[in-house]
Amino acid sequence: QAIFSYDRCLPIKVETWDKVGEAQCLDNLGLAHFALGELRLAVEYYEQALALWRAEEDRAAYMATYETLGALHFLLGEHLRSIECYVQYLTLSQEVGDGAADHEVLLRLGISNAAI
């Protein structure tokens, strides 16, 4: 049901040049596919959203998407890619001075490194 709704919403956001709405739809599609265990498809949606968040300079959304991509790549056994995502998250976190969730990402980064 959620995927159907977001699939219908996405073209509307694209047609109306609503980049934030488009990125939100893509994030939500990624989340829905993540919940269904369709990890590769979730990665595709999150990577599309990441490009839009970057263009919109929404660092909070950009960081959240990197964190989720790190988890997805870890679950897919792509530990180096997971590490890259977590490092990107931490770099952005330092730039904005928001270290609230850094401890969690540092833990995941350590686990990803140990998995190599």
PDB file of N, CA and C in Angstrom:
ATOM      1  N   GLN A   1       0.823  -1.194   0.000  1.00  0.00           N
ATOM      2  CA  GLN A   1       0.000   0.000   0.000  1.00  0.00           C
ATOM      3  C   GLN A   1       0.873   1.267   0.000  1.00  0.00           C
ATOM      4  N   ALA A   2       1.880   1.303   0.880  1.00  0.00           N
ATOM      5  CA  ALA A   2       2.754   2.481   0.957  1.00  0.00           C
ATOM      6  C   ALA A   2       3.519   2.673  -0.348  1.00  0.00           C
ATOM      7  N   ILE A   3       4.039   1.588  -0.883  1.00  0.00           N
ATOM      8  CA  ILE A   3       4.812   1.676  -2.124  1.00  0.00           C
ATOM      9  C   ILE A   3       3.917   2.210  -3.251  1.00  0.00           C
ATOM     10  N   PHE A   4       2.696   1.719  -3.312  1.00  0.00           N
ATOM     11  CA  PHE A   4       1.758   2.185  -4.330  1.00  0.00           C
ATOM     12  C   PHE A   4       1.537   3.698  -4.203  1.00  0.00           C
ATOM     13  N   SER A   5       1.329   4.151  -2.984  1.00  0.00           N
ATOM     14  CA  SER A   5       1.092   5.585  -2.748  1.00  0.00           C
ATOM     15  C   SER A   5       2.291   6.437  -3.140  1.00  0.00           C
ATOM     16  N   TYR A   6       3.479   6.008  -2.722  1.00  0.00           N
ATOM     17  CA  TYR A   6       4.678   6.791  -3.038  1.00  0.00           C
ATOM     18  C   TYR A   6       5.016   6.734  -4.523  1.00  0.00           C
ATOM     19  N   ASP A   7       4.737   5.603  -5.166  1.00  0.00           N
ATOM     20  CA  ASP A   7       4.946   5.502  -6.611  1.00  0.00           C
ATOM     21  C   ASP A   7       4.034   6.477  -7.358  1.00  0.00           C
ATOM     22  N   ARG A   8       2.851   6.713  -6.829  1.00  0.00           N
ATOM     23  CA  ARG A   8       1.925   7.667  -7.455  1.00  0.00           C
ATOM     24  C   ARG A   8       2.319   9.105  -7.134  1.00  0.00           C
ATOM     25  N   CYS A   9       2.869   9.316  -5.959  1.00  0.00           N
ATOM     26  CA  CYS A   9       3.252  10.655  -5.513  1.00  0.00           C
ATOM     27  C   CYS A   9       4.505  11.161  -6.244  1.00  0.00           C
ATOM     28  N   LEU A  10       5.435  10.269  -6.494  1.00  0.00           N
ATOM     29  CA  LEU A  10       6.731  10.661  -7.051  1.00  0.00           C
ATOM     30  C   LEU A  10       6.623  11.441  -8.364  1.00  0.00           C
ATOM     31  N   PRO A  11       5.863  10.961  -9.353  1.00  0.00           N
ATOM     32  CA  PRO A  11       5.786  11.726 -10.608  1.00  0.00           C
ATOM     33  C   PRO A  11       5.189  13.128 -10.426  1.00  0.00           C
ATOM     34  N   ILE A  12       4.285  13.263  -9.474  1.00  0.00           N
ATOM     35  CA  ILE A  12       3.689  14.572  -9.202  1.00  0.00           C
ATOM     36  C   ILE A  12       4.756  15.526  -8.681  1.00  0.00           C
ATOM     37  N   LYS A  13       5.592  15.036  -7.773  1.00  0.00           N
ATOM     38  CA  LYS A  13       6.664  15.864  -7.212  1.00  0.00           C
ATOM     39  C   LYS A  13       7.667  16.249  -8.291  1.00  0.00           C
ATOM     40  N   VAL A  14       7.944  15.320  -9.188  1.00  0.00           N
ATOM     41  CA  VAL A  14       8.881  15.593 -10.280  1.00  0.00           C
ATOM     42  C   VAL A  14       8.297  16.646 -11.220  1.00  0.00           C
ATOM     43  N   GLU A  15       7.022  16.477 -11.591  1.00  0.00           N
ATOM     44  CA  GLU A  15       6.370  17.403 -12.526  1.00  0.00           C
ATOM     45  C   GLU A  15       6.257  18.822 -11.964  1.00  0.00           C
ATOM     46  N   THR A  16       6.103  18.933 -10.663  1.00  0.00           N
ATOM     47  CA  THR A  16       5.928  20.252 -10.042  1.00  0.00           C
ATOM     48  C   THR A  16       7.245  20.832  -9.533  1.00  0.00           C
ATOM     49  N   TRP A  17       8.323  20.198  -9.868  1.00  0.00           N
ATOM     50  CA  TRP A  17       9.658  20.650  -9.481  1.00  0.00           C
ATOM     51  C   TRP A  17       9.826  20.756  -7.959  1.00  0.00           C
ATOM     52  N   ASP A  18       9.123  19.908  -7.231  1.00  0.00           N
ATOM     53  CA  ASP A  18       9.212  19.875  -5.768  1.00  0.00           C
ATOM     54  C   ASP A  18      10.332  18.899  -5.391  1.00  0.00           C
ATOM     55  N   LYS A  19      11.565  19.402  -5.367  1.00  0.00           N
ATOM     56  CA  LYS A  19      12.730  18.546  -5.128  1.00  0.00           C
ATOM     57  C   LYS A  19      12.737  17.950  -3.723  1.00  0.00           C
ATOM     58  N   VAL A  20      12.319  18.734  -2.745  1.00  0.00           N
ATOM     59  CA  VAL A  20      12.262  18.219  -1.370  1.00  0.00           C
ATOM     60  C   VAL A  20      11.210  17.113  -1.287  1.00  0.00           C
ATOM     61  N   GLY A  21      10.049  17.353  -1.867  1.00  0.00           N
ATOM     62  CA  GLY A  21       9.004  16.327  -1.882  1.00  0.00           C
ATOM     63  C   GLY A  21       9.434  15.081  -2.635  1.00  0.00           C
ATOM     64  N   GLU A  22      10.152  15.292  -3.723  1.00  0.00           N
ATOM     65  CA  GLU A  22      10.670  14.163  -4.503  1.00  0.00           C
ATOM     66  C   GLU A  22      11.650  13.346  -3.660  1.00  0.00           C
ATOM     67  N   ALA A  23      12.552  14.029  -2.974  1.00  0.00           N
ATOM     68  CA  ALA A  23      13.523  13.329  -2.128  1.00  0.00           C
ATOM     69  C   ALA A  23      12.817  12.587  -0.998  1.00  0.00           C
ATOM     70  N   GLN A  24      11.785  13.201  -0.420  1.00  0.00           N
ATOM     71  CA  GLN A  24      11.032  12.539   0.648  1.00  0.00           C
ATOM     72  C   GLN A  24      10.333  11.285   0.128  1.00  0.00           C
ATOM     73  N   CYS A  25       9.755  11.377  -1.068  1.00  0.00           N
ATOM     74  CA  CYS A  25       9.119  10.195  -1.668  1.00  0.00           C
ATOM     75  C   CYS A  25      10.142   9.082  -1.888  1.00  0.00           C
ATOM     76  N   LEU A  26      11.303   9.454  -2.408  1.00  0.00           N
ATOM     77  CA  LEU A  26      12.353   8.466  -2.651  1.00  0.00           C
ATOM     78  C   LEU A  26      12.832   7.837  -1.340  1.00  0.00           C
ATOM     79  N   ASP A  27      13.015   8.662  -0.305  1.00  0.00           N
ATOM     80  CA  ASP A  27      13.392   8.131   1.009  1.00  0.00           C
ATOM     81  C   ASP A  27      12.341   7.142   1.511  1.00  0.00           C
ATOM     82  N   ASN A  28      11.069   7.516   1.371  1.00  0.00           N
ATOM     83  CA  ASN A  28       9.995   6.653   1.845  1.00  0.00           C
ATOM     84  C   ASN A  28       9.880   5.368   1.035  1.00  0.00           C
ATOM     85  N   LEU A  29      10.121   5.453  -0.266  1.00  0.00           N
ATOM     86  CA  LEU A  29      10.161   4.231  -1.081  1.00  0.00           C
ATOM     87  C   LEU A  29      11.320   3.336  -0.650  1.00  0.00           C
ATOM     88  N   GLY A  30      12.460   3.966  -0.359  1.00  0.00           N
ATOM     89  CA  GLY A  30      13.595   3.192   0.135  1.00  0.00           C
ATOM     90  C   GLY A  30      13.260   2.505   1.439  1.00  0.00           C
ATOM     91  N   LEU A  31      12.627   3.230   2.345  1.00  0.00           N
ATOM     92  CA  LEU A  31      12.246   2.661   3.632  1.00  0.00           C
ATOM     93  C   LEU A  31      11.266   1.499   3.469  1.00  0.00           C
ATOM     94  N   ALA A  32      10.290   1.670   2.597  1.00  0.00           N
ATOM     95  CA  ALA A  32       9.300   0.607   2.371  1.00  0.00           C
ATOM     96  C   ALA A  32       9.966  -0.652   1.824  1.00  0.00           C
ATOM     97  N   HIS A  33      10.875  -0.479   0.870  1.00  0.00           N
ATOM     98  CA  HIS A  33      11.568  -1.646   0.306  1.00  0.00           C
ATOM     99  C   HIS A  33      12.536  -2.258   1.324  1.00  0.00           C
ATOM    100  N   PHE A  34      13.149  -1.422   2.154  1.00  0.00           N
ATOM    101  CA  PHE A  34      14.002  -1.903   3.250  1.00  0.00           C
ATOM    102  C   PHE A  34      13.171  -2.798   4.164  1.00  0.00           C
ATOM    103  N   ALA A  35      11.988  -2.343   4.537  1.00  0.00           N
ATOM    104  CA  ALA A  35      11.115  -3.103   5.432  1.00  0.00           C
ATOM    105  C   ALA A  35      10.686  -4.434   4.824  1.00  0.00           C
ATOM    106  N   LEU A  36      10.593  -4.473   3.499  1.00  0.00           N
ATOM    107  CA  LEU A  36      10.215  -5.713   2.805  1.00  0.00           C
ATOM    108  C   LEU A  36      11.413  -6.626   2.540  1.00  0.00           C
ATOM    109  N   GLY A  37      12.609  -6.165   2.933  1.00  0.00           N
ATOM    110  CA  GLY A  37      13.812  -6.968   2.711  1.00  0.00           C
ATOM    111  C   GLY A  37      14.381  -6.838   1.315  1.00  0.00           C
ATOM    112  N   GLU A  38      13.881  -5.890   0.550  1.00  0.00           N
ATOM    113  CA  GLU A  38      14.368  -5.659  -0.816  1.00  0.00           C
ATOM    114  C   GLU A  38      15.490  -4.624  -0.748  1.00  0.00           C
ATOM    115  N   LEU A  39      16.636  -5.082  -0.245  1.00  0.00           N
ATOM    116  CA  LEU A  39      17.710  -4.164   0.114  1.00  0.00           C
ATOM    117  C   LEU A  39      18.338  -3.463  -1.081  1.00  0.00           C
ATOM    118  N   ARG A  40      18.553  -4.165  -2.162  1.00  0.00           N
ATOM    119  CA  ARG A  40      19.165  -3.533  -3.348  1.00  0.00           C
ATOM    120  C   ARG A  40      18.268  -2.421  -3.899  1.00  0.00           C
ATOM    121  N   LEU A  41      16.984  -2.691  -3.936  1.00  0.00           N
ATOM    122  CA  LEU A  41      16.050  -1.689  -4.424  1.00  0.00           C
ATOM    123  C   LEU A  41      16.003  -0.499  -3.462  1.00  0.00           C
ATOM    124  N   ALA A  42      16.065  -0.785  -2.177  1.00  0.00           N
ATOM    125  CA  ALA A  42      16.098   0.294  -1.178  1.00  0.00           C
ATOM    126  C   ALA A  42      17.316   1.174  -1.399  1.00  0.00           C
ATOM    127  N   VAL A  43      18.465   0.566  -1.657  1.00  0.00           N
ATOM    128  CA  VAL A  43      19.696   1.330  -1.909  1.00  0.00           C
ATOM    129  C   VAL A  43      19.504   2.248  -3.109  1.00  0.00           C
ATOM    130  N   GLU A  44      18.893   1.751  -4.162  1.00  0.00           N
ATOM    131  CA  GLU A  44      18.681   2.572  -5.365  1.00  0.00           C
ATOM    132  C   GLU A  44      17.863   3.819  -5.042  1.00  0.00           C
ATOM    133  N   TYR A  45      16.798   3.643  -4.286  1.00  0.00           N
ATOM    134  CA  TYR A  45      15.952   4.792  -3.937  1.00  0.00           C
ATOM    135  C   TYR A  45      16.691   5.768  -3.027  1.00  0.00           C
ATOM    136  N   TYR A  46      17.400   5.243  -2.033  1.00  0.00           N
ATOM    137  CA  TYR A  46      18.134   6.127  -1.124  1.00  0.00           C
ATOM    138  C   TYR A  46      19.238   6.887  -1.848  1.00  0.00           C
ATOM    139  N   GLU A  47      19.904   6.249  -2.811  1.00  0.00           N
ATOM    140  CA  GLU A  47      20.959   6.954  -3.551  1.00  0.00           C
ATOM    141  C   GLU A  47      20.375   8.076  -4.412  1.00  0.00           C
ATOM    142  N   GLN A  48      19.190   7.857  -4.978  1.00  0.00           N
ATOM    143  CA  GLN A  48      18.528   8.923  -5.735  1.00  0.00           C
ATOM    144  C   GLN A  48      18.161  10.083  -4.805  1.00  0.00           C
ATOM    145  N   ALA A  49      17.648   9.735  -3.632  1.00  0.00           N
ATOM    146  CA  ALA A  49      17.288  10.771  -2.654  1.00  0.00           C
ATOM    147  C   ALA A  49      18.527  11.534  -2.204  1.00  0.00           C
ATOM    148  N   LEU A  50      19.631  10.828  -2.025  1.00  0.00           N
ATOM    149  CA  LEU A  50      20.873  11.453  -1.581  1.00  0.00           C
ATOM    150  C   LEU A  50      21.300  12.563  -2.534  1.00  0.00           C
ATOM    151  N   ALA A  51      21.206  12.305  -3.818  1.00  0.00           N
ATOM    152  CA  ALA A  51      21.579  13.320  -4.810  1.00  0.00           C
ATOM    153  C   ALA A  51      20.697  14.562  -4.684  1.00  0.00           C
ATOM    154  N   LEU A  52      19.427  14.353  -4.430  1.00  0.00           N
ATOM    155  CA  LEU A  52      18.516  15.496  -4.277  1.00  0.00           C
ATOM    156  C   LEU A  52      18.788  16.256  -2.981  1.00  0.00           C
ATOM    157  N   TRP A  53      19.019  15.530  -1.889  1.00  0.00           N
ATOM    158  CA  TRP A  53      19.326  16.203  -0.618  1.00  0.00           C
ATOM    159  C   TRP A  53      20.603  17.025  -0.751  1.00  0.00           C
ATOM    160  N   ARG A  54      21.567  16.481  -1.486  1.00  0.00           N
ATOM    161  CA  ARG A  54      22.819  17.214  -1.711  1.00  0.00           C
ATOM    162  C   ARG A  54      22.538  18.510  -2.463  1.00  0.00           C
ATOM    163  N   ALA A  55      21.747  18.415  -3.514  1.00  0.00           N
ATOM    164  CA  ALA A  55      21.418  19.598  -4.316  1.00  0.00           C
ATOM    165  C   ALA A  55      20.629  20.624  -3.500  1.00  0.00           C
ATOM    166  N   GLU A  56      19.791  20.161  -2.614  1.00  0.00           N
ATOM    167  CA  GLU A  56      18.980  21.056  -1.784  1.00  0.00           C
ATOM    168  C   GLU A  56      19.746  21.561  -0.562  1.00  0.00           C
ATOM    169  N   GLU A  57      20.909  20.983  -0.339  1.00  0.00           N
ATOM    170  CA  GLU A  57      21.760  21.333   0.804  1.00  0.00           C
ATOM    171  C   GLU A  57      21.045  21.140   2.141  1.00  0.00           C
ATOM    172  N   ASP A  58      20.242  20.078   2.210  1.00  0.00           N
ATOM    173  CA  ASP A  58      19.568  19.715   3.462  1.00  0.00           C
ATOM    174  C   ASP A  58      20.473  18.712   4.177  1.00  0.00           C
ATOM    175  N   ARG A  59      21.335  19.245   5.007  1.00  0.00           N
ATOM    176  CA  ARG A  59      22.355  18.398   5.631  1.00  0.00           C
ATOM    177  C   ARG A  59      21.783  17.361   6.579  1.00  0.00           C
ATOM    178  N   ALA A  60      20.727  17.693   7.292  1.00  0.00           N
ATOM    179  CA  ALA A  60      20.133  16.720   8.212  1.00  0.00           C
ATOM    180  C   ALA A  60      19.596  15.511   7.437  1.00  0.00           C
ATOM    181  N   ALA A  61      18.898  15.773   6.339  1.00  0.00           N
ATOM    182  CA  ALA A  61      18.369  14.688   5.518  1.00  0.00           C
ATOM    183  C   ALA A  61      19.504  13.935   4.832  1.00  0.00           C
ATOM    184  N   TYR A  62      20.508  14.664   4.396  1.00  0.00           N
ATOM    185  CA  TYR A  62      21.693  14.089   3.755  1.00  0.00           C
ATOM    186  C   TYR A  62      22.382  13.120   4.715  1.00  0.00           C
ATOM    187  N   MET A  63      22.552  13.566   5.969  1.00  0.00           N
ATOM    188  CA  MET A  63      23.199  12.726   6.983  1.00  0.00           C
ATOM    189  C   MET A  63      22.363  11.483   7.280  1.00  0.00           C
ATOM    190  N   ALA A  64      21.053  11.648   7.429  1.00  0.00           N
ATOM    191  CA  ALA A  64      20.178  10.516   7.738  1.00  0.00           C
ATOM    192  C   ALA A  64      20.210   9.484   6.614  1.00  0.00           C
ATOM    193  N   THR A  65      20.255   9.972   5.381  1.00  0.00           N
ATOM    194  CA  THR A  65      20.294   9.061   4.236  1.00  0.00           C
ATOM    195  C   THR A  65      21.624   8.317   4.190  1.00  0.00           C
ATOM    196  N   TYR A  66      22.728   9.013   4.465  1.00  0.00           N
ATOM    197  CA  TYR A  66      24.025   8.319   4.529  1.00  0.00           C
ATOM    198  C   TYR A  66      24.028   7.250   5.623  1.00  0.00           C
ATOM    199  N   GLU A  67      23.439   7.562   6.757  1.00  0.00           N
ATOM    200  CA  GLU A  67      23.389   6.592   7.852  1.00  0.00           C
ATOM    201  C   GLU A  67      22.610   5.339   7.434  1.00  0.00           C
ATOM    202  N   THR A  68      21.477   5.546   6.793  1.00  0.00           N
ATOM    203  CA  THR A  68      20.664   4.417   6.342  1.00  0.00           C
ATOM    204  C   THR A  68      21.379   3.622   5.262  1.00  0.00           C
ATOM    205  N   LEU A  69      22.026   4.315   4.327  1.00  0.00           N
ATOM    206  CA  LEU A  69      22.793   3.614   3.290  1.00  0.00           C
ATOM    207  C   LEU A  69      23.927   2.790   3.902  1.00  0.00           C
ATOM    208  N   GLY A  70      24.552   3.331   4.944  1.00  0.00           N
ATOM    209  CA  GLY A  70      25.597   2.569   5.628  1.00  0.00           C
ATOM    210  C   GLY A  70      25.058   1.267   6.177  1.00  0.00           C
ATOM    211  N   ALA A  71      23.893   1.318   6.790  1.00  0.00           N
ATOM    212  CA  ALA A  71      23.270   0.107   7.335  1.00  0.00           C
ATOM    213  C   ALA A  71      22.903  -0.879   6.230  1.00  0.00           C
ATOM    214  N   LEU A  72      22.341  -0.361   5.139  1.00  0.00           N
ATOM    215  CA  LEU A  72      21.969  -1.233   4.027  1.00  0.00           C
ATOM    216  C   LEU A  72      23.180  -1.926   3.421  1.00  0.00           C
ATOM    217  N   HIS A  73      24.236  -1.164   3.173  1.00  0.00           N
ATOM    218  CA  HIS A  73      25.436  -1.770   2.589  1.00  0.00           C
ATOM    219  C   HIS A  73      26.040  -2.801   3.538  1.00  0.00           C
ATOM    220  N   PHE A  74      25.970  -2.531   4.837  1.00  0.00           N
ATOM    221  CA  PHE A  74      26.465  -3.517   5.804  1.00  0.00           C
ATOM    222  C   PHE A  74      25.657  -4.810   5.691  1.00  0.00           C
ATOM    223  N   LEU A  75      24.342  -4.701   5.655  1.00  0.00           N
ATOM    224  CA  LEU A  75      23.478  -5.880   5.561  1.00  0.00           C
ATOM    225  C   LEU A  75      23.697  -6.645   4.255  1.00  0.00           C
ATOM    226  N   LEU A  76      24.097  -5.921   3.205  1.00  0.00           N
ATOM    227  CA  LEU A  76      24.386  -6.559   1.920  1.00  0.00           C
ATOM    228  C   LEU A  76      25.795  -7.159   1.871  1.00  0.00           C
ATOM    229  N   GLY A  77      26.551  -6.983   2.956  1.00  0.00           N
ATOM    230  CA  GLY A  77      27.923  -7.498   2.990  1.00  0.00           C
ATOM    231  C   GLY A  77      28.921  -6.607   2.288  1.00  0.00           C
ATOM    232  N   GLU A  78      28.518  -5.400   1.955  1.00  0.00           N
ATOM    233  CA  GLU A  78      29.377  -4.434   1.271  1.00  0.00           C
ATOM    234  C   GLU A  78      29.994  -3.512   2.321  1.00  0.00           C
ATOM    235  N   HIS A  79      30.927  -4.072   3.096  1.00  0.00           N
ATOM    236  CA  HIS A  79      31.439  -3.394   4.276  1.00  0.00           C
ATOM    237  C   HIS A  79      32.258  -2.144   3.954  1.00  0.00           C
ATOM    238  N   LEU A  80      33.019  -2.168   2.877  1.00  0.00           N
ATOM    239  CA  LEU A  80      33.781  -0.965   2.514  1.00  0.00           C
ATOM    240  C   LEU A  80      32.847   0.179   2.130  1.00  0.00           C
ATOM    241  N   ARG A  81      31.798  -0.139   1.405  1.00  0.00           N
ATOM    242  CA  ARG A  81      30.820   0.898   1.032  1.00  0.00           C
ATOM    243  C   ARG A  81      30.097   1.406   2.277  1.00  0.00           C
ATOM    244  N   SER A  82      29.820   0.504   3.199  1.00  0.00           N
ATOM    245  CA  SER A  82      29.198   0.880   4.468  1.00  0.00           C
ATOM    246  C   SER A  82      30.087   1.875   5.216  1.00  0.00           C
ATOM    247  N   ILE A  83      31.358   1.574   5.256  1.00  0.00           N
ATOM    248  CA  ILE A  83      32.320   2.458   5.924  1.00  0.00           C
ATOM    249  C   ILE A  83      32.334   3.831   5.259  1.00  0.00           C
ATOM    250  N   GLU A  84      32.341   3.857   3.924  1.00  0.00           N
ATOM    251  CA  GLU A  84      32.330   5.133   3.199  1.00  0.00           C
ATOM    252  C   GLU A  84      31.116   5.975   3.590  1.00  0.00           C
ATOM    253  N   CYS A  85      29.965   5.340   3.700  1.00  0.00           N
ATOM    254  CA  CYS A  85      28.739   6.075   4.068  1.00  0.00           C
ATOM    255  C   CYS A  85      28.838   6.623   5.487  1.00  0.00           C
ATOM    256  N   TYR A  86      29.344   5.815   6.416  1.00  0.00           N
ATOM    257  CA  TYR A  86      29.464   6.279   7.799  1.00  0.00           C
ATOM    258  C   TYR A  86      30.486   7.405   7.926  1.00  0.00           C
ATOM    259  N   VAL A  87      31.570   7.327   7.167  1.00  0.00           N
ATOM    260  CA  VAL A  87      32.566   8.403   7.188  1.00  0.00           C
ATOM    261  C   VAL A  87      31.962   9.689   6.625  1.00  0.00           C
ATOM    262  N   GLN A  88      31.183   9.575   5.568  1.00  0.00           N
ATOM    263  CA  GLN A  88      30.509  10.754   5.011  1.00  0.00           C
ATOM    264  C   GLN A  88      29.568  11.372   6.051  1.00  0.00           C
ATOM    265  N   TYR A  89      28.829  10.520   6.749  1.00  0.00           N
ATOM    266  CA  TYR A  89      27.937  11.004   7.802  1.00  0.00           C
ATOM    267  C   TYR A  89      28.730  11.772   8.853  1.00  0.00           C
ATOM    268  N   LEU A  90      29.811  11.178   9.337  1.00  0.00           N
ATOM    269  CA  LEU A  90      30.608  11.812  10.387  1.00  0.00           C
ATOM    270  C   LEU A  90      31.236  13.119   9.911  1.00  0.00           C
ATOM    271  N   THR A  91      31.672  13.177   8.662  1.00  0.00           N
ATOM    272  CA  THR A  91      32.238  14.399   8.097  1.00  0.00           C
ATOM    273  C   THR A  91      31.196  15.513   8.093  1.00  0.00           C
ATOM    274  N   LEU A  92      30.001  15.192   7.639  1.00  0.00           N
ATOM    275  CA  LEU A  92      28.923  16.182   7.632  1.00  0.00           C
ATOM    276  C   LEU A  92      28.556  16.598   9.054  1.00  0.00           C
ATOM    277  N   SER A  93      28.543  15.652   9.957  1.00  0.00           N
ATOM    278  CA  SER A  93      28.211  15.941  11.351  1.00  0.00           C
ATOM    279  C   SER A  93      29.199  16.931  11.957  1.00  0.00           C
ATOM    280  N   GLN A  94      30.478  16.748  11.647  1.00  0.00           N
ATOM    281  CA  GLN A  94      31.504  17.675  12.153  1.00  0.00           C
ATOM    282  C   GLN A  94      31.334  19.059  11.526  1.00  0.00           C
ATOM    283  N   GLU A  95      30.981  19.102  10.244  1.00  0.00           N
ATOM    284  CA  GLU A  95      30.806  20.390   9.562  1.00  0.00           C
ATOM    285  C   GLU A  95      29.666  21.205  10.164  1.00  0.00           C
ATOM    286  N   VAL A  96      28.591  20.526  10.553  1.00  0.00           N
ATOM    287  CA  VAL A  96      27.437  21.245  11.099  1.00  0.00           C
ATOM    288  C   VAL A  96      27.470  21.332  12.618  1.00  0.00           C
ATOM    289  N   GLY A  97      28.447  20.662  13.243  1.00  0.00           N
ATOM    290  CA  GLY A  97      28.559  20.715  14.695  1.00  0.00           C
ATOM    291  C   GLY A  97      27.464  19.960  15.414  1.00  0.00           C
ATOM    292  N   ASP A  98      26.958  18.914  14.775  1.00  0.00           N
ATOM    293  CA  ASP A  98      25.887  18.119  15.376  1.00  0.00           C
ATOM    294  C   ASP A  98      26.417  16.728  15.673  1.00  0.00           C
ATOM    295  N   GLY A  99      26.900  16.541  16.873  1.00  0.00           N
ATOM    296  CA  GLY A  99      27.465  15.249  17.246  1.00  0.00           C
ATOM    297  C   GLY A  99      26.521  14.383  18.053  1.00  0.00           C
ATOM    298  N   ALA A 100      25.226  14.714  18.043  1.00  0.00           N
ATOM    299  CA  ALA A 100      24.251  14.019  18.883  1.00  0.00           C
ATOM    300  C   ALA A 100      24.198  12.512  18.626  1.00  0.00           C
ATOM    301  N   ALA A 101      24.264  12.111  17.377  1.00  0.00           N
ATOM    302  CA  ALA A 101      24.156  10.688  17.054  1.00  0.00           C
ATOM    303  C   ALA A 101      25.486  10.076  16.639  1.00  0.00           C
ATOM    304  N   ASP A 102      26.559  10.814  16.786  1.00  0.00           N
ATOM    305  CA  ASP A 102      27.859  10.320  16.335  1.00  0.00           C
ATOM    306  C   ASP A 102      28.265   9.024  17.017  1.00  0.00           C
ATOM    307  N   HIS A 103      27.934   8.877  18.282  1.00  0.00           N
ATOM    308  CA  HIS A 103      28.341   7.671  18.999  1.00  0.00           C
ATOM    309  C   HIS A 103      27.764   6.413  18.349  1.00  0.00           C
ATOM    310  N   GLU A 104      26.521   6.494  17.890  1.00  0.00           N
ATOM    311  CA  GLU A 104      25.884   5.354  17.233  1.00  0.00           C
ATOM    312  C   GLU A 104      26.570   5.050  15.896  1.00  0.00           C
ATOM    313  N   VAL A 105      26.860   6.085  15.147  1.00  0.00           N
ATOM    314  CA  VAL A 105      27.510   5.895  13.848  1.00  0.00           C
ATOM    315  C   VAL A 105      28.951   5.403  14.038  1.00  0.00           C
ATOM    316  N   LEU A 106      29.623   5.909  15.051  1.00  0.00           N
ATOM    317  CA  LEU A 106      30.983   5.421  15.342  1.00  0.00           C
ATOM    318  C   LEU A 106      30.958   3.937  15.701  1.00  0.00           C
ATOM    319  N   LEU A 107      29.945   3.519  16.445  1.00  0.00           N
ATOM    320  CA  LEU A 107      29.800   2.101  16.778  1.00  0.00           C
ATOM    321  C   LEU A 107      29.605   1.280  15.507  1.00  0.00           C
ATOM    322  N   ARG A 108      28.727   1.747  14.630  1.00  0.00           N
ATOM    323  CA  ARG A 108      28.480   1.031  13.369  1.00  0.00           C
ATOM    324  C   ARG A 108      29.724   1.024  12.484  1.00  0.00           C
ATOM    325  N   LEU A 109      30.460   2.124  12.518  1.00  0.00           N
ATOM    326  CA  LEU A 109      31.703   2.200  11.737  1.00  0.00           C
ATOM    327  C   LEU A 109      32.697   1.148  12.250  1.00  0.00           C
ATOM    328  N   GLY A 110      32.794   1.032  13.560  1.00  0.00           N
ATOM    329  CA  GLY A 110      33.681   0.016  14.149  1.00  0.00           C
ATOM    330  C   GLY A 110      33.262  -1.392  13.764  1.00  0.00           C
ATOM    331  N   ILE A 111      31.982  -1.661  13.801  1.00  0.00           N
ATOM    332  CA  ILE A 111      31.476  -2.982  13.437  1.00  0.00           C
ATOM    333  C   ILE A 111      31.760  -3.256  11.969  1.00  0.00           C
ATOM    334  N   SER A 112      31.576  -2.256  11.111  1.00  0.00           N
ATOM    335  CA  SER A 112      31.860  -2.432   9.679  1.00  0.00           C
ATOM    336  C   SER A 112      33.333  -2.710   9.444  1.00  0.00           C
ATOM    337  N   ASN A 113      34.201  -1.989  10.168  1.00  0.00           N
ATOM    338  CA  ASN A 113      35.644  -2.239  10.037  1.00  0.00           C
ATOM    339  C   ASN A 113      36.004  -3.637  10.504  1.00  0.00           C
ATOM    340  N   ALA A 114      35.394  -4.083  11.581  1.00  0.00           N
ATOM    341  CA  ALA A 114      35.693  -5.412  12.109  1.00  0.00           C
ATOM    342  C   ALA A 114      35.231  -6.511  11.149  1.00  0.00           C
ATOM    343  N   ALA A 115      34.227  -6.203  10.326  1.00  0.00           N
ATOM    344  CA  ALA A 115      33.680  -7.202   9.411  1.00  0.00           C
ATOM    345  C   ALA A 115      34.546  -7.421   8.173  1.00  0.00           C
ATOM    346  N   ILE A 116      35.513  -6.533   7.968  1.00  0.00           N
ATOM    347  CA  ILE A 116      36.365  -6.650   6.768  1.00  0.00           C
ATOM    348  C   ILE A 116      37.357  -7.791   6.933  1.00  0.00           C
TER     349      ILE A 116
END
